[in-house]
Amino acid sequence: MKAMGIPAGATLNIYTVSGELVHKETAQGGLVEWDGRTVEGKTVASGTYYYVVRSGGQNITAGPLVIWRSK
Protein backbone atom coordinates (compact mmCIF):
# COMPACT_ATOMS: atom_id res chain seq x y z
CA MET A 1 0.00 0.00 0.00
CA LYS A 2 1.25 3.46 -0.87
CA ALA A 3 -0.20 6.60 0.66
CA MET A 4 0.90 9.82 -1.00
CA GLY A 5 0.33 13.48 -0.18
CA ILE A 6 0.59 12.93 3.55
CA PRO A 7 2.04 15.83 5.55
CA ALA A 8 5.63 15.22 6.69
CA GLY A 9 5.61 13.98 10.27
CA ALA A 10 2.06 12.58 10.06
CA THR A 11 1.59 8.99 11.18
CA LEU A 12 -0.14 6.14 9.36
CA ASN A 13 -1.71 3.64 11.76
CA ILE A 14 -3.28 0.39 10.57
CA TYR A 15 -5.66 -1.53 12.83
CA THR A 16 -7.54 -4.82 12.77
CA VAL A 17 -11.34 -4.65 12.90
CA SER A 18 -11.07 -5.37 16.64
CA GLY A 19 -8.88 -2.29 17.13
CA GLU A 20 -5.45 -3.92 17.48
CA LEU A 21 -2.64 -1.80 16.06
CA VAL A 22 -0.74 -3.80 13.43
CA HIS A 23 1.42 -1.08 11.86
CA LYS A 24 2.55 2.45 12.63
CA GLU A 25 4.81 4.59 10.47
CA THR A 26 5.74 8.25 10.19
CA ALA A 27 5.50 9.91 6.77
CA GLN A 28 8.71 11.06 5.17
CA GLY A 29 8.41 13.52 2.29
CA GLY A 30 4.66 13.01 1.90
CA LEU A 31 4.85 9.25 1.29
CA VAL A 32 4.24 6.17 3.40
CA GLU A 33 4.58 2.64 2.07
CA TRP A 34 3.27 -0.43 3.93
CA ASP A 35 4.49 -3.87 2.95
CA GLY A 36 1.67 -5.76 4.67
CA ARG A 37 3.65 -6.67 7.77
CA THR A 38 2.91 -6.08 11.43
CA VAL A 39 5.10 -4.05 13.78
CA GLU A 40 6.73 -7.42 14.67
CA GLY A 41 7.51 -8.13 10.99
CA LYS A 42 4.87 -10.83 10.45
CA THR A 43 2.76 -10.84 7.29
CA VAL A 44 -0.85 -9.91 8.01
CA ALA A 45 -3.65 -12.29 7.09
CA SER A 46 -6.24 -11.59 4.41
CA GLY A 47 -9.06 -9.50 5.77
CA THR A 48 -10.34 -6.02 6.46
CA TYR A 49 -8.16 -3.49 8.25
CA TYR A 50 -8.62 0.19 8.98
CA TYR A 51 -6.11 2.94 8.40
CA VAL A 52 -5.91 6.28 10.17
CA VAL A 53 -3.58 9.12 9.21
CA ARG A 54 -2.95 11.52 12.08
CA SER A 55 -1.23 14.88 12.00
CA GLY A 56 -1.03 17.47 14.74
CA GLY A 57 -3.18 15.36 17.06
CA GLN A 58 -6.06 15.16 14.57
CA ASN A 59 -7.25 12.42 12.25
CA ILE A 60 -6.89 13.77 8.73
CA THR A 61 -8.10 10.69 6.85
CA ALA A 62 -9.34 7.21 7.67
CA GLY A 63 -11.01 4.28 5.98
CA PRO A 64 -11.16 0.56 5.35
CA LEU A 65 -8.37 -1.39 3.71
CA VAL A 66 -8.93 -4.90 2.34
CA ILE A 67 -5.98 -7.26 2.10
CA TRP A 68 -6.35 -10.31 -0.12
CA ARG A 69 -3.64 -12.94 -0.18
CA SER A 70 -3.96 -15.67 -2.77
CA LYS A 71 -2.85 -19.14 -1.77
PDB file of N, CA and C in Angstrom:
ATOM      1  N   MET A   1       0.839  -1.166   0.000  1.00  0.00           N
ATOM      2  CA  MET A   1       0.000   0.000   0.000  1.00  0.00           C
ATOM      3  C   MET A   1       0.887   1.233   0.000  1.00  0.00           C
ATOM      4  N   LYS A   2       0.559   2.184  -0.843  1.00  0.00           N
ATOM      5  CA  LYS A   2       1.253   3.461  -0.866  1.00  0.00           C
ATOM      6  C   LYS A   2       0.248   4.553  -0.557  1.00  0.00           C
ATOM      7  N   ALA A   3       0.618   5.427   0.344  1.00  0.00           N
ATOM      8  CA  ALA A   3      -0.198   6.597   0.661  1.00  0.00           C
ATOM      9  C   ALA A   3       0.646   7.818   0.344  1.00  0.00           C
ATOM     10  N   MET A   4       0.147   8.651  -0.571  1.00  0.00           N
ATOM     11  CA  MET A   4       0.898   9.824  -0.998  1.00  0.00           C
ATOM     12  C   MET A   4       0.181  11.100  -0.576  1.00  0.00           C
ATOM     13  N   GLY A   5       0.910  12.190  -0.530  1.00  0.00           N
ATOM     14  CA  GLY A   5       0.326  13.477  -0.185  1.00  0.00           C
ATOM     15  C   GLY A   5       0.055  13.638   1.298  1.00  0.00           C
ATOM     16  N   ILE A   6       0.751  12.861   2.103  1.00  0.00           N
ATOM     17  CA  ILE A   6       0.586  12.935   3.552  1.00  0.00           C
ATOM     18  C   ILE A   6       1.565  13.968   4.092  1.00  0.00           C
ATOM     19  N   PRO A   7       1.125  14.834   4.993  1.00  0.00           N
ATOM     20  CA  PRO A   7       2.044  15.828   5.553  1.00  0.00           C
ATOM     21  C   PRO A   7       3.245  15.169   6.231  1.00  0.00           C
ATOM     22  N   ALA A   8       4.423  15.739   6.031  1.00  0.00           N
ATOM     23  CA  ALA A   8       5.627  15.222   6.691  1.00  0.00           C
ATOM     24  C   ALA A   8       5.399  15.207   8.194  1.00  0.00           C
ATOM     25  N   GLY A   9       5.778  14.123   8.828  1.00  0.00           N
ATOM     26  CA  GLY A   9       5.613  13.981  10.267  1.00  0.00           C
ATOM     27  C   GLY A   9       4.286  13.375  10.682  1.00  0.00           C
ATOM     28  N   ALA A  10       3.333  13.237   9.735  1.00  0.00           N
ATOM     29  CA  ALA A  10       2.059  12.582  10.055  1.00  0.00           C
ATOM     30  C   ALA A  10       2.312  11.090  10.240  1.00  0.00           C
ATOM     31  N   THR A  11       1.429  10.422  10.972  1.00  0.00           N
ATOM     32  CA  THR A  11       1.590   8.988  11.179  1.00  0.00           C
ATOM     33  C   THR A  11       0.465   8.222  10.501  1.00  0.00           C
ATOM     34  N   LEU A  12       0.817   7.083   9.935  1.00  0.00           N
ATOM     35  CA  LEU A  12      -0.140   6.143   9.363  1.00  0.00           C
ATOM     36  C   LEU A  12      -0.247   4.994  10.344  1.00  0.00           C
ATOM     37  N   ASN A  13      -1.450   4.752  10.856  1.00  0.00           N
ATOM     38  CA  ASN A  13      -1.710   3.638  11.758  1.00  0.00           C
ATOM     39  C   ASN A  13      -2.674   2.687  11.072  1.00  0.00           C
ATOM     40  N   ILE A  14      -2.392   1.395  11.144  1.00  0.00           N
ATOM     41  CA  ILE A  14      -3.278   0.391  10.571  1.00  0.00           C
ATOM     42  C   ILE A  14      -3.723  -0.534  11.692  1.00  0.00           C
ATOM     43  N   TYR A  15      -5.050  -0.762  11.755  1.00  0.00           N
ATOM     44  CA  TYR A  15      -5.662  -1.533  12.830  1.00  0.00           C
ATOM     45  C   TYR A  15      -6.462  -2.696  12.268  1.00  0.00           C
ATOM     46  N   THR A  16      -6.607  -3.756  13.085  1.00  0.00           N
ATOM     47  CA  THR A  16      -7.542  -4.822  12.766  1.00  0.00           C
ATOM     48  C   THR A  16      -8.947  -4.311  13.036  1.00  0.00           C
ATOM     49  N   VAL A  17      -9.963  -5.070  12.634  1.00  0.00           N
ATOM     50  CA  VAL A  17     -11.335  -4.655  12.896  1.00  0.00           C
ATOM     51  C   VAL A  17     -11.645  -4.643  14.390  1.00  0.00           C
ATOM     52  N   SER A  18     -10.867  -5.370  15.186  1.00  0.00           N
ATOM     53  CA  SER A  18     -11.071  -5.366  16.643  1.00  0.00           C
ATOM     54  C   SER A  18     -10.295  -4.259  17.342  1.00  0.00           C
ATOM     55  N   GLY A  19      -9.569  -3.438  16.565  1.00  0.00           N
ATOM     56  CA  GLY A  19      -8.880  -2.290  17.134  1.00  0.00           C
ATOM     57  C   GLY A  19      -7.429  -2.500  17.504  1.00  0.00           C
ATOM     58  N   GLU A  20      -6.861  -3.655  17.172  1.00  0.00           N
ATOM     59  CA  GLU A  20      -5.453  -3.924  17.479  1.00  0.00           C
ATOM     60  C   GLU A  20      -4.557  -3.228  16.458  1.00  0.00           C
ATOM     61  N   LEU A  21      -3.584  -2.477  16.940  1.00  0.00           N
ATOM     62  CA  LEU A  21      -2.635  -1.801  16.061  1.00  0.00           C
ATOM     63  C   LEU A  21      -1.708  -2.837  15.436  1.00  0.00           C
ATOM     64  N   VAL A  22      -1.638  -2.858  14.101  1.00  0.00           N
ATOM     65  CA  VAL A  22      -0.741  -3.795  13.428  1.00  0.00           C
ATOM     66  C   VAL A  22       0.447  -3.101  12.779  1.00  0.00           C
ATOM     67  N   HIS A  23       0.321  -1.802  12.502  1.00  0.00           N
ATOM     68  CA  HIS A  23       1.421  -1.081  11.860  1.00  0.00           C
ATOM     69  C   HIS A  23       1.331   0.398  12.198  1.00  0.00           C
ATOM     70  N   LYS A  24       2.488   1.013  12.371  1.00  0.00           N
ATOM     71  CA  LYS A  24       2.554   2.455  12.625  1.00  0.00           C
ATOM     72  C   LYS A  24       3.816   2.968  11.955  1.00  0.00           C
ATOM     73  N   GLU A  25       3.656   4.037  11.182  1.00  0.00           N
ATOM     74  CA  GLU A  25       4.806   4.594  10.473  1.00  0.00           C
ATOM     75  C   GLU A  25       4.641   6.093  10.309  1.00  0.00           C
ATOM     76  N   THR A  26       5.750   6.807  10.367  1.00  0.00           N
ATOM     77  CA  THR A  26       5.744   8.253  10.186  1.00  0.00           C
ATOM     78  C   THR A  26       6.079   8.589   8.740  1.00  0.00           C
ATOM     79  N   ALA A  27       5.305   9.507   8.164  1.00  0.00           N
ATOM     80  CA  ALA A  27       5.501   9.911   6.767  1.00  0.00           C
ATOM     81  C   ALA A  27       6.796  10.683   6.601  1.00  0.00           C
ATOM     82  N   GLN A  28       7.491  10.359   5.550  1.00  0.00           N
ATOM     83  CA  GLN A  28       8.712  11.061   5.173  1.00  0.00           C
ATOM     84  C   GLN A  28       8.495  11.623   3.774  1.00  0.00           C
ATOM     85  N   GLY A  29       8.554  12.916   3.618  1.00  0.00           N
ATOM     86  CA  GLY A  29       8.414  13.523   2.293  1.00  0.00           C
ATOM     87  C   GLY A  29       7.057  13.298   1.646  1.00  0.00           C
ATOM     88  N   GLY A  30       6.006  13.162   2.445  1.00  0.00           N
ATOM     89  CA  GLY A  30       4.659  13.013   1.904  1.00  0.00           C
ATOM     90  C   GLY A  30       4.278  11.620   1.458  1.00  0.00           C
ATOM     91  N   LEU A  31       5.111  10.614   1.751  1.00  0.00           N
ATOM     92  CA  LEU A  31       4.851   9.255   1.295  1.00  0.00           C
ATOM     93  C   LEU A  31       5.042   8.257   2.420  1.00  0.00           C
ATOM     94  N   VAL A  32       4.110   7.306   2.490  1.00  0.00           N
ATOM     95  CA  VAL A  32       4.244   6.173   3.404  1.00  0.00           C
ATOM     96  C   VAL A  32       3.960   4.914   2.596  1.00  0.00           C
ATOM     97  N   GLU A  33       4.806   3.921   2.724  1.00  0.00           N
ATOM     98  CA  GLU A  33       4.579   2.638   2.071  1.00  0.00           C
ATOM     99  C   GLU A  33       4.473   1.562   3.139  1.00  0.00           C
ATOM    100  N   TRP A  34       3.459   0.682   2.999  1.00  0.00           N
ATOM    101  CA  TRP A  34       3.273  -0.428   3.934  1.00  0.00           C
ATOM    102  C   TRP A  34       3.398  -1.720   3.155  1.00  0.00           C
ATOM    103  N   ASP A  35       4.239  -2.612   3.642  1.00  0.00           N
ATOM    104  CA  ASP A  35       4.494  -3.874   2.948  1.00  0.00           C
ATOM    105  C   ASP A  35       3.603  -5.017   3.419  1.00  0.00           C
ATOM    106  N   GLY A  36       2.584  -4.722   4.222  1.00  0.00           N
ATOM    107  CA  GLY A  36       1.666  -5.761   4.670  1.00  0.00           C
ATOM    108  C   GLY A  36       2.164  -6.559   5.851  1.00  0.00           C
ATOM    109  N   ARG A  37       3.101  -5.989   6.590  1.00  0.00           N
ATOM    110  CA  ARG A  37       3.647  -6.673   7.771  1.00  0.00           C
ATOM    111  C   ARG A  37       3.275  -5.917   9.043  1.00  0.00           C
ATOM    112  N   THR A  38       3.229  -6.662  10.131  1.00  0.00           N
ATOM    113  CA  THR A  38       2.911  -6.079  11.433  1.00  0.00           C
ATOM    114  C   THR A  38       4.136  -5.367  11.991  1.00  0.00           C
ATOM    115  N   VAL A  39       3.965  -4.712  13.129  1.00  0.00           N
ATOM    116  CA  VAL A  39       5.098  -4.055  13.784  1.00  0.00           C
ATOM    117  C   VAL A  39       6.163  -5.074  14.190  1.00  0.00           C
ATOM    118  N   GLU A  40       5.773  -6.351  14.334  1.00  0.00           N
ATOM    119  CA  GLU A  40       6.729  -7.416  14.669  1.00  0.00           C
ATOM    120  C   GLU A  40       7.365  -8.039  13.429  1.00  0.00           C
ATOM    121  N   GLY A  41       6.944  -7.609  12.226  1.00  0.00           N
ATOM    122  CA  GLY A  41       7.515  -8.126  10.995  1.00  0.00           C
ATOM    123  C   GLY A  41       6.790  -9.320  10.411  1.00  0.00           C
ATOM    124  N   LYS A  42       5.633  -9.697  10.967  1.00  0.00           N
ATOM    125  CA  LYS A  42       4.865 -10.834  10.454  1.00  0.00           C
ATOM    126  C   LYS A  42       3.894 -10.348   9.375  1.00  0.00           C
ATOM    127  N   THR A  43       3.701 -11.169   8.355  1.00  0.00           N
ATOM    128  CA  THR A  43       2.764 -10.841   7.287  1.00  0.00           C
ATOM    129  C   THR A  43       1.340 -10.923   7.823  1.00  0.00           C
ATOM    130  N   VAL A  44       0.531  -9.891   7.541  1.00  0.00           N
ATOM    131  CA  VAL A  44      -0.853  -9.907   8.015  1.00  0.00           C
ATOM    132  C   VAL A  44      -1.681 -10.869   7.180  1.00  0.00           C
ATOM    133  N   ALA A  45      -2.738 -11.380   7.772  1.00  0.00           N
ATOM    134  CA  ALA A  45      -3.652 -12.287   7.087  1.00  0.00           C
ATOM    135  C   ALA A  45      -4.580 -11.505   6.168  1.00  0.00           C
ATOM    136  N   SER A  46      -5.198 -12.212   5.229  1.00  0.00           N
ATOM    137  CA  SER A  46      -6.240 -11.595   4.409  1.00  0.00           C
ATOM    138  C   SER A  46      -7.348 -11.111   5.325  1.00  0.00           C
ATOM    139  N   GLY A  47      -7.952  -9.997   4.972  1.00  0.00           N
ATOM    140  CA  GLY A  47      -9.059  -9.496   5.771  1.00  0.00           C
ATOM    141  C   GLY A  47      -9.196  -7.998   5.644  1.00  0.00           C
ATOM    142  N   THR A  48     -10.087  -7.453   6.455  1.00  0.00           N
ATOM    143  CA  THR A  48     -10.344  -6.022   6.464  1.00  0.00           C
ATOM    144  C   THR A  48      -9.579  -5.363   7.599  1.00  0.00           C
ATOM    145  N   TYR A  49      -8.914  -4.284   7.292  1.00  0.00           N
ATOM    146  CA  TYR A  49      -8.162  -3.490   8.255  1.00  0.00           C
ATOM    147  C   TYR A  49      -8.637  -2.050   8.114  1.00  0.00           C
ATOM    148  N   TYR A  50      -8.264  -1.225   9.050  1.00  0.00           N
ATOM    149  CA  TYR A  50      -8.616   0.187   8.983  1.00  0.00           C
ATOM    150  C   TYR A  50      -7.362   1.021   9.117  1.00  0.00           C
ATOM    151  N   TYR A  51      -7.265   2.051   8.304  1.00  0.00           N
ATOM    152  CA  TYR A  51      -6.113   2.943   8.398  1.00  0.00           C
ATOM    153  C   TYR A  51      -6.573   4.302   8.916  1.00  0.00           C
ATOM    154  N   VAL A  52      -5.682   4.938   9.657  1.00  0.00           N
ATOM    155  CA  VAL A  52      -5.914   6.282  10.165  1.00  0.00           C
ATOM    156  C   VAL A  52      -4.629   7.065   9.976  1.00  0.00           C
ATOM    157  N   VAL A  53      -4.728   8.229   9.343  1.00  0.00           N
ATOM    158  CA  VAL A  53      -3.583   9.124   9.206  1.00  0.00           C
ATOM    159  C   VAL A  53      -3.812  10.270  10.176  1.00  0.00           C
ATOM    160  N   ARG A  54      -2.839  10.472  11.062  1.00  0.00           N
ATOM    161  CA  ARG A  54      -2.946  11.519  12.081  1.00  0.00           C
ATOM    162  C   ARG A  54      -1.822  12.532  11.900  1.00  0.00           C
ATOM    163  N   SER A  55      -2.202  13.803  12.068  1.00  0.00           N
ATOM    164  CA  SER A  55      -1.231  14.885  11.997  1.00  0.00           C
ATOM    165  C   SER A  55      -1.652  15.958  12.974  1.00  0.00           C
ATOM    166  N   GLY A  56      -0.728  16.411  13.776  1.00  0.00           N
ATOM    167  CA  GLY A  56      -1.030  17.466  14.738  1.00  0.00           C
ATOM    168  C   GLY A  56      -2.112  17.092  15.733  1.00  0.00           C
ATOM    169  N   GLY A  57      -2.190  15.803  16.093  1.00  0.00           N
ATOM    170  CA  GLY A  57      -3.178  15.361  17.062  1.00  0.00           C
ATOM    171  C   GLY A  57      -4.585  15.180  16.507  1.00  0.00           C
ATOM    172  N   GLN A  58      -4.747  15.322  15.189  1.00  0.00           N
ATOM    173  CA  GLN A  58      -6.064  15.163  14.569  1.00  0.00           C
ATOM    174  C   GLN A  58      -6.020  14.084  13.494  1.00  0.00           C
ATOM    175  N   ASN A  59      -7.124  13.357  13.357  1.00  0.00           N
ATOM    176  CA  ASN A  59      -7.251  12.418  12.250  1.00  0.00           C
ATOM    177  C   ASN A  59      -7.512  13.224  10.988  1.00  0.00           C
ATOM    178  N   ILE A  60      -6.675  13.022   9.966  1.00  0.00           N
ATOM    179  CA  ILE A  60      -6.891  13.772   8.731  1.00  0.00           C
ATOM    180  C   ILE A  60      -7.514  12.913   7.639  1.00  0.00           C
ATOM    181  N   THR A  61      -7.413  11.601   7.758  1.00  0.00           N
ATOM    182  CA  THR A  61      -8.096  10.689   6.847  1.00  0.00           C
ATOM    183  C   THR A  61      -8.158   9.315   7.494  1.00  0.00           C
ATOM    184  N   ALA A  62      -9.174   8.553   7.131  1.00  0.00           N
ATOM    185  CA  ALA A  62      -9.335   7.208   7.669  1.00  0.00           C
ATOM    186  C   ALA A  62     -10.233   6.413   6.733  1.00  0.00           C
ATOM    187  N   GLY A  63     -10.133   5.108   6.801  1.00  0.00           N
ATOM    188  CA  GLY A  63     -11.008   4.280   5.979  1.00  0.00           C
ATOM    189  C   GLY A  63     -10.636   2.823   6.031  1.00  0.00           C
ATOM    190  N   PRO A  64     -11.438   1.999   5.372  1.00  0.00           N
ATOM    191  CA  PRO A  64     -11.157   0.564   5.355  1.00  0.00           C
ATOM    192  C   PRO A  64     -10.066   0.231   4.343  1.00  0.00           C
ATOM    193  N   LEU A  65      -9.429  -0.892   4.575  1.00  0.00           N
ATOM    194  CA  LEU A  65      -8.366  -1.394   3.712  1.00  0.00           C
ATOM    195  C   LEU A  65      -8.533  -2.902   3.664  1.00  0.00           C
ATOM    196  N   VAL A  66      -8.738  -3.458   2.479  1.00  0.00           N
ATOM    197  CA  VAL A  66      -8.934  -4.899   2.344  1.00  0.00           C
ATOM    198  C   VAL A  66      -7.652  -5.519   1.808  1.00  0.00           C
ATOM    199  N   ILE A  67      -7.177  -6.523   2.518  1.00  0.00           N
ATOM    200  CA  ILE A  67      -5.983  -7.265   2.105  1.00  0.00           C
ATOM    201  C   ILE A  67      -6.425  -8.638   1.615  1.00  0.00           C
ATOM    202  N   TRP A  68      -6.017  -8.997   0.416  1.00  0.00           N
ATOM    203  CA  TRP A  68      -6.349 -10.305  -0.115  1.00  0.00           C
ATOM    204  C   TRP A  68      -5.052 -11.013  -0.489  1.00  0.00           C
ATOM    205  N   ARG A  69      -4.839 -12.141   0.116  1.00  0.00           N
ATOM    206  CA  ARG A  69      -3.638 -12.938  -0.180  1.00  0.00           C
ATOM    207  C   ARG A  69      -4.082 -14.212  -0.873  1.00  0.00           C
ATOM    208  N   SER A  70      -3.617 -14.438  -2.083  1.00  0.00           N
ATOM    209  CA  SER A  70      -3.958 -15.672  -2.767  1.00  0.00           C
ATOM    210  C   SER A  70      -3.077 -16.797  -2.252  1.00  0.00           C
ATOM    211  N   LYS A  71      -3.589 -17.993  -2.312  1.00  0.00           N
ATOM    212  CA  LYS A  71      -2.849 -19.142  -1.767  1.00  0.00           C
ATOM    213  C   LYS A  71      -2.082 -19.855  -2.832  1.00  0.00           C
TER     214      LYS A  71
END
